[in-house]
């Protein structure tokens, strides 16, 4: 799974690829439509699609003379699961740190009242 996550996050590291994914969340699109808003040569844009496809985030198919691109949910779900797990870990750590800080503060206040 870590290799999948590496590819996923690497693919999302570029704003062009994030824009493609954002557009595909509304439905499949032809390559020409995906390319249109980006100020780059088609071969450069196709490299971006290749990176997304290698990460398993999109798939494409030829429909007649048009190459249609579809989003793939599995890698997004895997990344979401990983992020949820990380969030639970860190929330637990922060809760323990907060409890420890509260304990130290209570000890400090108790000591001050005895010394006071």
PDB file of N, CA and C in Angstrom:
ATOM      1  N   UNK A   1       0.825  -1.201   0.000  1.00  0.00           N
ATOM      2  CA  UNK A   1       0.000   0.000   0.000  1.00  0.00           C
ATOM      3  C   UNK A   1       0.863   1.256   0.000  1.00  0.00           C
ATOM      4  N   UNK A   2       2.027   1.228   0.681  1.00  0.00           N
ATOM      5  CA  UNK A   2       2.873   2.416   0.729  1.00  0.00           C
ATOM      6  C   UNK A   2       3.308   2.866  -0.657  1.00  0.00           C
ATOM      7  N   UNK A   3       3.623   1.891  -1.540  1.00  0.00           N
ATOM      8  CA  UNK A   3       3.989   2.267  -2.905  1.00  0.00           C
ATOM      9  C   UNK A   3       2.830   2.936  -3.611  1.00  0.00           C
ATOM     10  N   UNK A   4       1.607   2.436  -3.373  1.00  0.00           N
ATOM     11  CA  UNK A   4       0.430   3.063  -3.953  1.00  0.00           C
ATOM     12  C   UNK A   4       0.282   4.490  -3.445  1.00  0.00           C
ATOM     13  N   UNK A   5       0.504   4.670  -2.149  1.00  0.00           N
ATOM     14  CA  UNK A   5       0.395   6.009  -1.566  1.00  0.00           C
ATOM     15  C   UNK A   5       1.478   6.934  -2.104  1.00  0.00           C
ATOM     16  N   UNK A   6       2.683   6.396  -2.282  1.00  0.00           N
ATOM     17  CA  UNK A   6       3.764   7.217  -2.839  1.00  0.00           C
ATOM     18  C   UNK A   6       3.368   7.742  -4.210  1.00  0.00           C
ATOM     19  N   UNK A   7       2.872   6.861  -5.060  1.00  0.00           N
ATOM     20  CA  UNK A   7       2.439   7.271  -6.391  1.00  0.00           C
ATOM     21  C   UNK A   7       1.281   8.245  -6.343  1.00  0.00           C
ATOM     22  N   UNK A   8       0.342   7.993  -5.426  1.00  0.00           N
ATOM     23  CA  UNK A   8      -0.821   8.863  -5.272  1.00  0.00           C
ATOM     24  C   UNK A   8      -0.403  10.284  -4.905  1.00  0.00           C
ATOM     25  N   UNK A   9       0.385  10.400  -3.836  1.00  0.00           N
ATOM     26  CA  UNK A   9       0.767  11.736  -3.383  1.00  0.00           C
ATOM     27  C   UNK A   9       1.732  12.413  -4.354  1.00  0.00           C
ATOM     28  N   UNK A  10       2.577  11.643  -5.003  1.00  0.00           N
ATOM     29  CA  UNK A  10       3.460  12.202  -6.022  1.00  0.00           C
ATOM     30  C   UNK A  10       2.636  12.770  -7.178  1.00  0.00           C
ATOM     31  N   UNK A  11       1.619  12.023  -7.582  1.00  0.00           N
ATOM     32  CA  UNK A  11       0.767  12.484  -8.680  1.00  0.00           C
ATOM     33  C   UNK A  11       0.027  13.757  -8.296  1.00  0.00           C
ATOM     34  N   UNK A  12      -0.388  13.869  -7.054  1.00  0.00           N
ATOM     35  CA  UNK A  12      -1.129  15.060  -6.616  1.00  0.00           C
ATOM     36  C   UNK A  12      -0.225  16.253  -6.306  1.00  0.00           C
ATOM     37  N   UNK A  13       1.074  16.059  -6.393  1.00  0.00           N
ATOM     38  CA  UNK A  13       2.005  17.144  -6.061  1.00  0.00           C
ATOM     39  C   UNK A  13       1.997  18.260  -7.105  1.00  0.00           C
ATOM     40  N   UNK A  14       1.391  18.016  -8.245  1.00  0.00           N
ATOM     41  CA  UNK A  14       1.397  19.004  -9.327  1.00  0.00           C
ATOM     42  C   UNK A  14       0.014  19.629  -9.499  1.00  0.00           C
ATOM     43  N   UNK A  15      -0.063  20.968  -9.617  1.00  0.00           N
ATOM     44  CA  UNK A  15      -1.370  21.618  -9.737  1.00  0.00           C
ATOM     45  C   UNK A  15      -2.131  21.246 -11.012  1.00  0.00           C
ATOM     46  N   UNK A  16      -1.431  20.955 -12.087  1.00  0.00           N
ATOM     47  CA  UNK A  16      -2.109  20.538 -13.318  1.00  0.00           C
ATOM     48  C   UNK A  16      -2.831  19.220 -13.083  1.00  0.00           C
ATOM     49  N   UNK A  17      -2.156  18.287 -12.441  1.00  0.00           N
ATOM     50  CA  UNK A  17      -2.776  16.987 -12.190  1.00  0.00           C
ATOM     51  C   UNK A  17      -3.923  17.104 -11.198  1.00  0.00           C
ATOM     52  N   UNK A  18      -3.772  17.969 -10.197  1.00  0.00           N
ATOM     53  CA  UNK A  18      -4.891  18.175  -9.266  1.00  0.00           C
ATOM     54  C   UNK A  18      -6.088  18.760  -9.993  1.00  0.00           C
ATOM     55  N   UNK A  19      -5.846  19.663 -10.930  1.00  0.00           N
ATOM     56  CA  UNK A  19      -6.940  20.258 -11.708  1.00  0.00           C
ATOM     57  C   UNK A  19      -7.633  19.201 -12.565  1.00  0.00           C
ATOM     58  N   UNK A  20      -6.865  18.289 -13.136  1.00  0.00           N
ATOM     59  CA  UNK A  20      -7.455  17.213 -13.937  1.00  0.00           C
ATOM     60  C   UNK A  20      -8.346  16.346 -13.048  1.00  0.00           C
ATOM     61  N   UNK A  21      -7.855  15.971 -11.880  1.00  0.00           N
ATOM     62  CA  UNK A  21      -8.645  15.143 -10.961  1.00  0.00           C
ATOM     63  C   UNK A  21      -9.912  15.898 -10.549  1.00  0.00           C
ATOM     64  N   UNK A  22      -9.777  17.179 -10.226  1.00  0.00           N
ATOM     65  CA  UNK A  22     -10.948  17.970  -9.833  1.00  0.00           C
ATOM     66  C   UNK A  22     -11.986  17.968 -10.956  1.00  0.00           C
ATOM     67  N   UNK A  23     -11.547  18.139 -12.196  1.00  0.00           N
ATOM     68  CA  UNK A  23     -12.486  18.141 -13.320  1.00  0.00           C
ATOM     69  C   UNK A  23     -13.141  16.776 -13.480  1.00  0.00           C
ATOM     70  N   UNK A  24     -12.374  15.711 -13.320  1.00  0.00           N
ATOM     71  CA  UNK A  24     -12.921  14.367 -13.528  1.00  0.00           C
ATOM     72  C   UNK A  24     -13.901  13.947 -12.440  1.00  0.00           C
ATOM     73  N   UNK A  25     -13.926  14.641 -11.321  1.00  0.00           N
ATOM     74  CA  UNK A  25     -14.911  14.311 -10.286  1.00  0.00           C
ATOM     75  C   UNK A  25     -16.329  14.625 -10.761  1.00  0.00           C
ATOM     76  N   UNK A  26     -16.454  15.432 -11.813  1.00  0.00           N
ATOM     77  CA  UNK A  26     -17.782  15.733 -12.352  1.00  0.00           C
ATOM     78  C   UNK A  26     -18.184  14.754 -13.450  1.00  0.00           C
ATOM     79  N   UNK A  27     -17.265  13.881 -13.863  1.00  0.00           N
ATOM     80  CA  UNK A  27     -17.566  12.884 -14.879  1.00  0.00           C
ATOM     81  C   UNK A  27     -16.426  12.726 -15.859  1.00  0.00           C
ATOM     82  N   UNK A  28     -16.486  11.679 -16.682  1.00  0.00           N
ATOM     83  CA  UNK A  28     -15.437  11.442 -17.683  1.00  0.00           C
ATOM     84  C   UNK A  28     -15.340  12.615 -18.659  1.00  0.00           C
ATOM     85  N   UNK A  29     -14.154  12.740 -19.266  1.00  0.00           N
ATOM     86  CA  UNK A  29     -13.937  13.826 -20.228  1.00  0.00           C
ATOM     87  C   UNK A  29     -12.940  13.377 -21.283  1.00  0.00           C
ATOM     88  N   UNK A  30     -13.072  13.928 -22.477  1.00  0.00           N
ATOM     89  CA  UNK A  30     -12.059  13.644 -23.501  1.00  0.00           C
ATOM     90  C   UNK A  30     -10.762  14.377 -23.180  1.00  0.00           C
ATOM     91  N   UNK A  31      -9.657  13.830 -23.651  1.00  0.00           N
ATOM     92  CA  UNK A  31      -8.349  14.443 -23.408  1.00  0.00           C
ATOM     93  C   UNK A  31      -8.349  15.896 -23.870  1.00  0.00           C
ATOM     94  N   UNK A  32      -8.959  16.176 -25.008  1.00  0.00           N
ATOM     95  CA  UNK A  32      -8.955  17.549 -25.540  1.00  0.00           C
ATOM     96  C   UNK A  32      -9.613  18.522 -24.571  1.00  0.00           C
ATOM     97  N   UNK A  33     -10.690  18.114 -23.918  1.00  0.00           N
ATOM     98  CA  UNK A  33     -11.358  18.980 -22.940  1.00  0.00           C
ATOM     99  C   UNK A  33     -10.487  19.183 -21.710  1.00  0.00           C
ATOM    100  N   UNK A  34      -9.839  18.117 -21.260  1.00  0.00           N
ATOM    101  CA  UNK A  34      -8.968  18.230 -20.092  1.00  0.00           C
ATOM    102  C   UNK A  34      -7.765  19.122 -20.378  1.00  0.00           C
ATOM    103  N   UNK A  35      -7.261  19.052 -21.595  1.00  0.00           N
ATOM    104  CA  UNK A  35      -6.077  19.814 -21.987  1.00  0.00           C
ATOM    105  C   UNK A  35      -6.379  21.292 -22.178  1.00  0.00           C
ATOM    106  N   UNK A  36      -7.576  21.614 -22.643  1.00  0.00           N
ATOM    107  CA  UNK A  36      -7.926  22.981 -23.060  1.00  0.00           C
ATOM    108  C   UNK A  36      -7.564  24.087 -22.056  1.00  0.00           C
ATOM    109  N   UNK A  37      -7.848  23.945 -20.769  1.00  0.00           N
ATOM    110  CA  UNK A  37      -7.559  25.064 -19.850  1.00  0.00           C
ATOM    111  C   UNK A  37      -6.088  25.224 -19.474  1.00  0.00           C
ATOM    112  N   UNK A  38      -5.242  24.341 -19.938  1.00  0.00           N
ATOM    113  CA  UNK A  38      -3.839  24.362 -19.526  1.00  0.00           C
ATOM    114  C   UNK A  38      -2.962  24.913 -20.647  1.00  0.00           C
ATOM    115  N   UNK A  39      -2.137  25.857 -20.284  1.00  0.00           N
ATOM    116  CA  UNK A  39      -1.253  26.513 -21.251  1.00  0.00           C
ATOM    117  C   UNK A  39       0.039  25.710 -21.388  1.00  0.00           C
ATOM    118  N   UNK A  40      -0.079  24.572 -22.080  1.00  0.00           N
ATOM    119  CA  UNK A  40       1.106  23.733 -22.308  1.00  0.00           C
ATOM    120  C   UNK A  40       0.868  22.905 -23.566  1.00  0.00           C
ATOM    121  N   UNK A  41       1.949  22.443 -24.120  1.00  0.00           N
ATOM    122  CA  UNK A  41       1.862  21.599 -25.311  1.00  0.00           C
ATOM    123  C   UNK A  41       1.186  20.275 -24.951  1.00  0.00           C
ATOM    124  N   UNK A  42       0.477  19.710 -25.911  1.00  0.00           N
ATOM    125  CA  UNK A  42      -0.224  18.453 -25.679  1.00  0.00           C
ATOM    126  C   UNK A  42       0.715  17.339 -25.204  1.00  0.00           C
ATOM    127  N   UNK A  43       1.907  17.175 -25.789  1.00  0.00           N
ATOM    128  CA  UNK A  43       2.791  16.111 -25.274  1.00  0.00           C
ATOM    129  C   UNK A  43       3.140  16.283 -23.792  1.00  0.00           C
ATOM    130  N   UNK A  44       3.331  17.513 -23.358  1.00  0.00           N
ATOM    131  CA  UNK A  44       3.600  17.765 -21.931  1.00  0.00           C
ATOM    132  C   UNK A  44       2.384  17.409 -21.089  1.00  0.00           C
ATOM    133  N   UNK A  45       1.210  17.776 -21.570  1.00  0.00           N
ATOM    134  CA  UNK A  45      -0.018  17.452 -20.841  1.00  0.00           C
ATOM    135  C   UNK A  45      -0.224  15.947 -20.761  1.00  0.00           C
ATOM    136  N   UNK A  46       0.080  15.239 -21.832  1.00  0.00           N
ATOM    137  CA  UNK A  46      -0.078  13.790 -21.841  1.00  0.00           C
ATOM    138  C   UNK A  46       0.835  13.118 -20.818  1.00  0.00           C
ATOM    139  N   UNK A  47       1.984  13.727 -20.540  1.00  0.00           N
ATOM    140  CA  UNK A  47       2.864  13.201 -19.483  1.00  0.00           C
ATOM    141  C   UNK A  47       2.176  13.290 -18.127  1.00  0.00           C
ATOM    142  N   UNK A  48       1.433  14.382 -17.907  1.00  0.00           N
ATOM    143  CA  UNK A  48       0.679  14.520 -16.663  1.00  0.00           C
ATOM    144  C   UNK A  48      -0.376  13.417 -16.560  1.00  0.00           C
ATOM    145  N   UNK A  49      -1.086  13.171 -17.646  1.00  0.00           N
ATOM    146  CA  UNK A  49      -2.076  12.097 -17.640  1.00  0.00           C
ATOM    147  C   UNK A  49      -1.410  10.751 -17.403  1.00  0.00           C
ATOM    148  N   UNK A  50      -0.233  10.559 -17.972  1.00  0.00           N
ATOM    149  CA  UNK A  50       0.506   9.317 -17.767  1.00  0.00           C
ATOM    150  C   UNK A  50       0.864   9.103 -16.311  1.00  0.00           C
ATOM    151  N   UNK A  51       1.240  10.173 -15.638  1.00  0.00           N
ATOM    152  CA  UNK A  51       1.580  10.077 -14.208  1.00  0.00           C
ATOM    153  C   UNK A  51       0.339   9.701 -13.386  1.00  0.00           C
ATOM    154  N   UNK A  52      -0.801  10.304 -13.723  1.00  0.00           N
ATOM    155  CA  UNK A  52      -2.039   9.977 -13.027  1.00  0.00           C
ATOM    156  C   UNK A  52      -2.457   8.532 -13.307  1.00  0.00           C
ATOM    157  N   UNK A  53      -2.270   8.103 -14.537  1.00  0.00           N
ATOM    158  CA  UNK A  53      -2.633   6.736 -14.901  1.00  0.00           C
ATOM    159  C   UNK A  53      -1.700   5.733 -14.224  1.00  0.00           C
ATOM    160  N   UNK A  54      -0.413   6.051 -14.166  1.00  0.00           N
ATOM    161  CA  UNK A  54       0.552   5.168 -13.495  1.00  0.00           C
ATOM    162  C   UNK A  54       0.234   5.029 -12.007  1.00  0.00           C
ATOM    163  N   UNK A  55      -0.312   6.087 -11.417  1.00  0.00           N
ATOM    164  CA  UNK A  55      -0.687   6.054 -10.002  1.00  0.00           C
ATOM    165  C   UNK A  55      -2.032   5.358  -9.799  1.00  0.00           C
ATOM    166  N   UNK A  56      -2.677   4.970 -10.889  1.00  0.00           N
ATOM    167  CA  UNK A  56      -3.964   4.282 -10.802  1.00  0.00           C
ATOM    168  C   UNK A  56      -5.139   5.205 -10.554  1.00  0.00           C
ATOM    169  N   UNK A  57      -4.919   6.501 -10.666  1.00  0.00           N
ATOM    170  CA  UNK A  57      -5.961   7.472 -10.347  1.00  0.00           C
ATOM    171  C   UNK A  57      -6.931   7.715 -11.492  1.00  0.00           C
ATOM    172  N   UNK A  58      -6.490   7.434 -12.711  1.00  0.00           N
ATOM    173  CA  UNK A  58      -7.357   7.588 -13.870  1.00  0.00           C
ATOM    174  C   UNK A  58      -7.169   6.385 -14.784  1.00  0.00           C
ATOM    175  N   UNK A  59      -8.106   6.208 -15.674  1.00  0.00           N
ATOM    176  CA  UNK A  59      -7.960   5.248 -16.759  1.00  0.00           C
ATOM    177  C   UNK A  59      -8.502   5.923 -18.003  1.00  0.00           C
ATOM    178  N   UNK A  60      -8.006   5.508 -19.133  1.00  0.00           N
ATOM    179  CA  UNK A  60      -8.499   6.090 -20.376  1.00  0.00           C
ATOM    180  C   UNK A  60      -8.874   4.972 -21.337  1.00  0.00           C
ATOM    181  N   UNK A  61      -9.782   5.311 -22.214  1.00  0.00           N
ATOM    182  CA  UNK A  61     -10.205   4.356 -23.224  1.00  0.00           C
ATOM    183  C   UNK A  61     -10.517   5.118 -24.498  1.00  0.00           C
ATOM    184  N   UNK A  62     -10.252   4.468 -25.593  1.00  0.00           N
ATOM    185  CA  UNK A  62     -10.525   5.064 -26.886  1.00  0.00           C
ATOM    186  C   UNK A  62     -11.972   4.754 -27.257  1.00  0.00           C
ATOM    187  N   UNK A  63     -12.728   5.809 -27.533  1.00  0.00           N
ATOM    188  CA  UNK A  63     -14.113   5.680 -27.961  1.00  0.00           C
ATOM    189  C   UNK A  63     -14.192   6.326 -29.339  1.00  0.00           C
ATOM    190  N   UNK A  64     -14.151   5.507 -30.358  1.00  0.00           N
ATOM    191  CA  UNK A  64     -14.069   6.048 -31.717  1.00  0.00           C
ATOM    192  C   UNK A  64     -12.723   6.720 -31.905  1.00  0.00           C
ATOM    193  N   UNK A  65     -12.762   8.003 -32.242  1.00  0.00           N
ATOM    194  CA  UNK A  65     -11.516   8.759 -32.426  1.00  0.00           C
ATOM    195  C   UNK A  65     -11.141   9.573 -31.196  1.00  0.00           C
ATOM    196  N   UNK A  66     -11.912   9.432 -30.139  1.00  0.00           N
ATOM    197  CA  UNK A  66     -11.724  10.246 -28.938  1.00  0.00           C
ATOM    198  C   UNK A  66     -11.216   9.375 -27.792  1.00  0.00           C
ATOM    199  N   UNK A  67     -10.202   9.881 -27.071  1.00  0.00           N
ATOM    200  CA  UNK A  67      -9.716   9.186 -25.876  1.00  0.00           C
ATOM    201  C   UNK A  67     -10.413   9.800 -24.669  1.00  0.00           C
ATOM    202  N   UNK A  68     -11.241   8.974 -24.015  1.00  0.00           N
ATOM    203  CA  UNK A  68     -11.980   9.423 -22.830  1.00  0.00           C
ATOM    204  C   UNK A  68     -11.205   9.039 -21.575  1.00  0.00           C
ATOM    205  N   UNK A  69     -11.235   9.928 -20.596  1.00  0.00           N
ATOM    206  CA  UNK A  69     -10.514   9.718 -19.343  1.00  0.00           C
ATOM    207  C   UNK A  69     -11.539   9.644 -18.207  1.00  0.00           C
ATOM    208  N   UNK A  70     -11.362   8.650 -17.345  1.00  0.00           N
ATOM    209  CA  UNK A  70     -12.252   8.411 -16.211  1.00  0.00           C
ATOM    210  C   UNK A  70     -11.432   8.413 -14.937  1.00  0.00           C
ATOM    211  N   UNK A  71     -12.026   8.882 -13.857  1.00  0.00           N
ATOM    212  CA  UNK A  71     -11.363   8.842 -12.557  1.00  0.00           C
ATOM    213  C   UNK A  71     -11.543   7.450 -11.947  1.00  0.00           C
ATOM    214  N   UNK A  72     -10.590   7.020 -11.163  1.00  0.00           N
ATOM    215  CA  UNK A  72     -10.651   5.742 -10.456  1.00  0.00           C
ATOM    216  C   UNK A  72     -10.734   6.029  -8.956  1.00  0.00           C
ATOM    217  N   UNK A  73     -11.725   5.482  -8.299  1.00  0.00           N
ATOM    218  CA  UNK A  73     -11.970   5.795  -6.888  1.00  0.00           C
ATOM    219  C   UNK A  73     -11.040   5.060  -5.924  1.00  0.00           C
ATOM    220  N   UNK A  74     -10.574   3.864  -6.285  1.00  0.00           N
ATOM    221  CA  UNK A  74      -9.813   3.035  -5.342  1.00  0.00           C
ATOM    222  C   UNK A  74      -8.615   3.753  -4.720  1.00  0.00           C
ATOM    223  N   UNK A  75      -7.718   4.382  -5.512  1.00  0.00           N
ATOM    224  CA  UNK A  75      -6.568   5.041  -4.885  1.00  0.00           C
ATOM    225  C   UNK A  75      -6.970   6.189  -3.961  1.00  0.00           C
ATOM    226  N   UNK A  76      -8.022   6.883  -4.311  1.00  0.00           N
ATOM    227  CA  UNK A  76      -8.489   7.982  -3.460  1.00  0.00           C
ATOM    228  C   UNK A  76      -9.012   7.417  -2.142  1.00  0.00           C
ATOM    229  N   UNK A  77      -9.743   6.326  -2.208  1.00  0.00           N
ATOM    230  CA  UNK A  77     -10.255   5.688  -0.992  1.00  0.00           C
ATOM    231  C   UNK A  77      -9.110   5.176  -0.123  1.00  0.00           C
ATOM    232  N   UNK A  78      -8.084   4.586  -0.744  1.00  0.00           N
ATOM    233  CA  UNK A  78      -6.929   4.101   0.026  1.00  0.00           C
ATOM    234  C   UNK A  78      -6.216   5.251   0.722  1.00  0.00           C
ATOM    235  N   UNK A  79      -6.031   6.364   0.025  1.00  0.00           N
ATOM    236  CA  UNK A  79      -5.374   7.529   0.635  1.00  0.00           C
ATOM    237  C   UNK A  79      -6.228   8.098   1.756  1.00  0.00           C
ATOM    238  N   UNK A  80      -7.535   8.120   1.546  1.00  0.00           N
ATOM    239  CA  UNK A  80      -8.441   8.619   2.581  1.00  0.00           C
ATOM    240  C   UNK A  80      -8.361   7.745   3.830  1.00  0.00           C
ATOM    241  N   UNK A  81      -8.321   6.431   3.644  1.00  0.00           N
ATOM    242  CA  UNK A  81      -8.189   5.520   4.785  1.00  0.00           C
ATOM    243  C   UNK A  81      -6.881   5.760   5.537  1.00  0.00           C
ATOM    244  N   UNK A  82      -5.791   5.932   4.793  1.00  0.00           N
ATOM    245  CA  UNK A  82      -4.494   6.187   5.412  1.00  0.00           C
ATOM    246  C   UNK A  82      -4.519   7.494   6.198  1.00  0.00           C
ATOM    247  N   UNK A  83      -5.100   8.539   5.599  1.00  0.00           N
ATOM    248  CA  UNK A  83      -5.176   9.832   6.278  1.00  0.00           C
ATOM    249  C   UNK A  83      -6.041   9.756   7.536  1.00  0.00           C
ATOM    250  N   UNK A  84      -7.147   9.017   7.477  1.00  0.00           N
ATOM    251  CA  UNK A  84      -7.987   8.842   8.668  1.00  0.00           C
ATOM    252  C   UNK A  84      -7.207   8.146   9.777  1.00  0.00           C
ATOM    253  N   UNK A  85      -6.439   7.122   9.397  1.00  0.00           N
ATOM    254  CA  UNK A  85      -5.624   6.408  10.387  1.00  0.00           C
ATOM    255  C   UNK A  85      -4.602   7.353  11.017  1.00  0.00           C
ATOM    256  N   UNK A  86      -3.934   8.156  10.193  1.00  0.00           N
ATOM    257  CA  UNK A  86      -2.951   9.109  10.710  1.00  0.00           C
ATOM    258  C   UNK A  86      -3.615  10.124  11.638  1.00  0.00           C
ATOM    259  N   UNK A  87      -4.795  10.554  11.269  1.00  0.00           N
ATOM    260  CA  UNK A  87      -5.511  11.524  12.104  1.00  0.00           C
ATOM    261  C   UNK A  87      -5.831  10.921  13.467  1.00  0.00           C
ATOM    262  N   UNK A  88      -6.296   9.668  13.485  1.00  0.00           N
ATOM    263  CA  UNK A  88      -6.592   9.012  14.766  1.00  0.00           C
ATOM    264  C   UNK A  88      -5.342   8.890  15.625  1.00  0.00           C
ATOM    265  N   UNK A  89      -4.218   8.518  15.007  1.00  0.00           N
ATOM    266  CA  UNK A  89      -2.960   8.414  15.746  1.00  0.00           C
ATOM    267  C   UNK A  89      -2.582   9.750  16.373  1.00  0.00           C
ATOM    268  N   UNK A  90      -2.618  10.808  15.561  1.00  0.00           N
ATOM    269  CA  UNK A  90      -2.192  12.110  16.058  1.00  0.00           C
ATOM    270  C   UNK A  90      -3.177  12.686  17.074  1.00  0.00           C
ATOM    271  N   UNK A  91      -4.458  12.444  16.888  1.00  0.00           N
ATOM    272  CA  UNK A  91      -5.422  12.913  17.889  1.00  0.00           C
ATOM    273  C   UNK A  91      -5.171  12.224  19.224  1.00  0.00           C
ATOM    274  N   UNK A  92      -4.861  10.928  19.186  1.00  0.00           N
ATOM    275  CA  UNK A  92      -4.538  10.209  20.421  1.00  0.00           C
ATOM    276  C   UNK A  92      -3.292  10.766  21.082  1.00  0.00           C
ATOM    277  N   UNK A  93      -2.278  11.030  20.289  1.00  0.00           N
ATOM    278  CA  UNK A  93      -1.034  11.592  20.831  1.00  0.00           C
ATOM    279  C   UNK A  93      -1.275  12.971  21.425  1.00  0.00           C
ATOM    280  N   UNK A  94      -2.051  13.790  20.743  1.00  0.00           N
ATOM    281  CA  UNK A  94      -2.334  15.136  21.253  1.00  0.00           C
ATOM    282  C   UNK A  94      -3.184  15.076  22.521  1.00  0.00           C
ATOM    283  N   UNK A  95      -4.122  14.126  22.584  1.00  0.00           N
ATOM    284  CA  UNK A  95      -4.922  13.960  23.797  1.00  0.00           C
ATOM    285  C   UNK A  95      -4.030  13.577  24.977  1.00  0.00           C
ATOM    286  N   UNK A  96      -3.084  12.656  24.745  1.00  0.00           N
ATOM    287  CA  UNK A  96      -2.164  12.255  25.824  1.00  0.00           C
ATOM    288  C   UNK A  96      -1.266  13.426  26.236  1.00  0.00           C
ATOM    289  N   UNK A  97      -0.802  14.195  25.265  1.00  0.00           N
ATOM    290  CA  UNK A  97       0.032  15.355  25.575  1.00  0.00           C
ATOM    291  C   UNK A  97      -0.754  16.387  26.382  1.00  0.00           C
ATOM    292  N   UNK A  98      -2.006  16.614  25.996  1.00  0.00           N
ATOM    293  CA  UNK A  98      -2.846  17.556  26.725  1.00  0.00           C
ATOM    294  C   UNK A  98      -3.076  17.084  28.158  1.00  0.00           C
ATOM    295  N   UNK A  99      -3.327  15.790  28.331  1.00  0.00           N
ATOM    296  CA  UNK A  99      -3.533  15.242  29.678  1.00  0.00           C
ATOM    297  C   UNK A  99      -2.265  15.382  30.512  1.00  0.00           C
ATOM    298  N   UNK A 100      -1.117  15.129  29.896  1.00  0.00           N
ATOM    299  CA  UNK A 100       0.160  15.256  30.594  1.00  0.00           C
ATOM    300  C   UNK A 100       0.402  16.712  31.004  1.00  0.00           C
ATOM    301  N   UNK A 101       0.122  17.638  30.100  1.00  0.00           N
ATOM    302  CA  UNK A 101       0.305  19.065  30.422  1.00  0.00           C
ATOM    303  C   UNK A 101      -0.635  19.476  31.551  1.00  0.00           C
ATOM    304  N   UNK A 102      -1.860  18.956  31.527  1.00  0.00           N
ATOM    305  CA  UNK A 102      -2.803  19.253  32.614  1.00  0.00           C
ATOM    306  C   UNK A 102      -2.318  18.704  33.932  1.00  0.00           C
ATOM    307  N   UNK A 103      -1.753  17.509  33.909  1.00  0.00           N
ATOM    308  CA  UNK A 103      -1.195  16.900  35.110  1.00  0.00           C
ATOM    309  C   UNK A 103      -0.037  17.738  35.660  1.00  0.00           C
ATOM    310  N   UNK A 104       0.866  18.175  34.771  1.00  0.00           N
ATOM    311  CA  UNK A 104       1.988  19.008  35.210  1.00  0.00           C
ATOM    312  C   UNK A 104       1.507  20.329  35.802  1.00  0.00           C
ATOM    313  N   UNK A 105       0.508  20.920  35.173  1.00  0.00           N
ATOM    314  CA  UNK A 105      -0.028  22.188  35.678  1.00  0.00           C
ATOM    315  C   UNK A 105      -0.648  21.989  37.056  1.00  0.00           C
ATOM    316  N   UNK A 106      -1.387  20.889  37.234  1.00  0.00           N
ATOM    317  CA  UNK A 106      -2.003  20.611  38.535  1.00  0.00           C
ATOM    318  C   UNK A 106      -0.933  20.410  39.605  1.00  0.00           C
ATOM    319  N   UNK A 107       0.140  19.677  39.267  1.00  0.00           N
ATOM    320  CA  UNK A 107       1.244  19.480  40.214  1.00  0.00           C
ATOM    321  C   UNK A 107       1.881  20.816  40.581  1.00  0.00           C
ATOM    322  N   UNK A 108       2.076  21.672  39.566  1.00  0.00           N
ATOM    323  CA  UNK A 108       2.693  22.974  39.796  1.00  0.00           C
ATOM    324  C   UNK A 108       1.819  23.823  40.717  1.00  0.00           C
ATOM    325  N   UNK A 109       0.531  23.848  40.457  1.00  0.00           N
ATOM    326  CA  UNK A 109      -0.389  24.634  41.302  1.00  0.00           C
ATOM    327  C   UNK A 109      -0.434  24.086  42.725  1.00  0.00           C
ATOM    328  N   UNK A 110      -0.402  22.766  42.860  1.00  0.00           N
ATOM    329  CA  UNK A 110      -0.404  22.149  44.187  1.00  0.00           C
ATOM    330  C   UNK A 110       0.861  22.521  44.953  1.00  0.00           C
ATOM    331  N   UNK A 111       1.999  22.491  44.253  1.00  0.00           N
ATOM    332  CA  UNK A 111       3.266  22.843  44.890  1.00  0.00           C
ATOM    333  C   UNK A 111       3.262  24.315  45.308  1.00  0.00           C
ATOM    334  N   UNK A 112       2.750  25.192  44.441  1.00  0.00           N
ATOM    335  CA  UNK A 112       2.689  26.623  44.778  1.00  0.00           C
ATOM    336  C   UNK A 112       1.821  26.866  46.004  1.00  0.00           C
ATOM    337  N   UNK A 113       0.690  26.154  46.087  1.00  0.00           N
ATOM    338  CA  UNK A 113      -0.207  26.361  47.236  1.00  0.00           C
ATOM    339  C   UNK A 113       0.440  25.874  48.536  1.00  0.00           C
ATOM    340  N   UNK A 114       1.277  24.823  48.454  1.00  0.00           N
ATOM    341  CA  UNK A 114       1.974  24.330  49.644  1.00  0.00           C
ATOM    342  C   UNK A 114       3.103  25.272  50.037  1.00  0.00           C
ATOM    343  N   UNK A 115       3.805  25.824  49.022  1.00  0.00           N
ATOM    344  CA  UNK A 115       4.930  26.714  49.289  1.00  0.00           C
ATOM    345  C   UNK A 115       4.464  28.105  49.704  1.00  0.00           C
ATOM    346  N   UNK A 116       3.274  28.445  49.235  1.00  0.00           N
ATOM    347  CA  UNK A 116       2.742  29.779  49.317  1.00  0.00           C
ATOM    348  C   UNK A 116       2.612  30.442  50.574  1.00  0.00           C
TER     349      UNK A 116
END
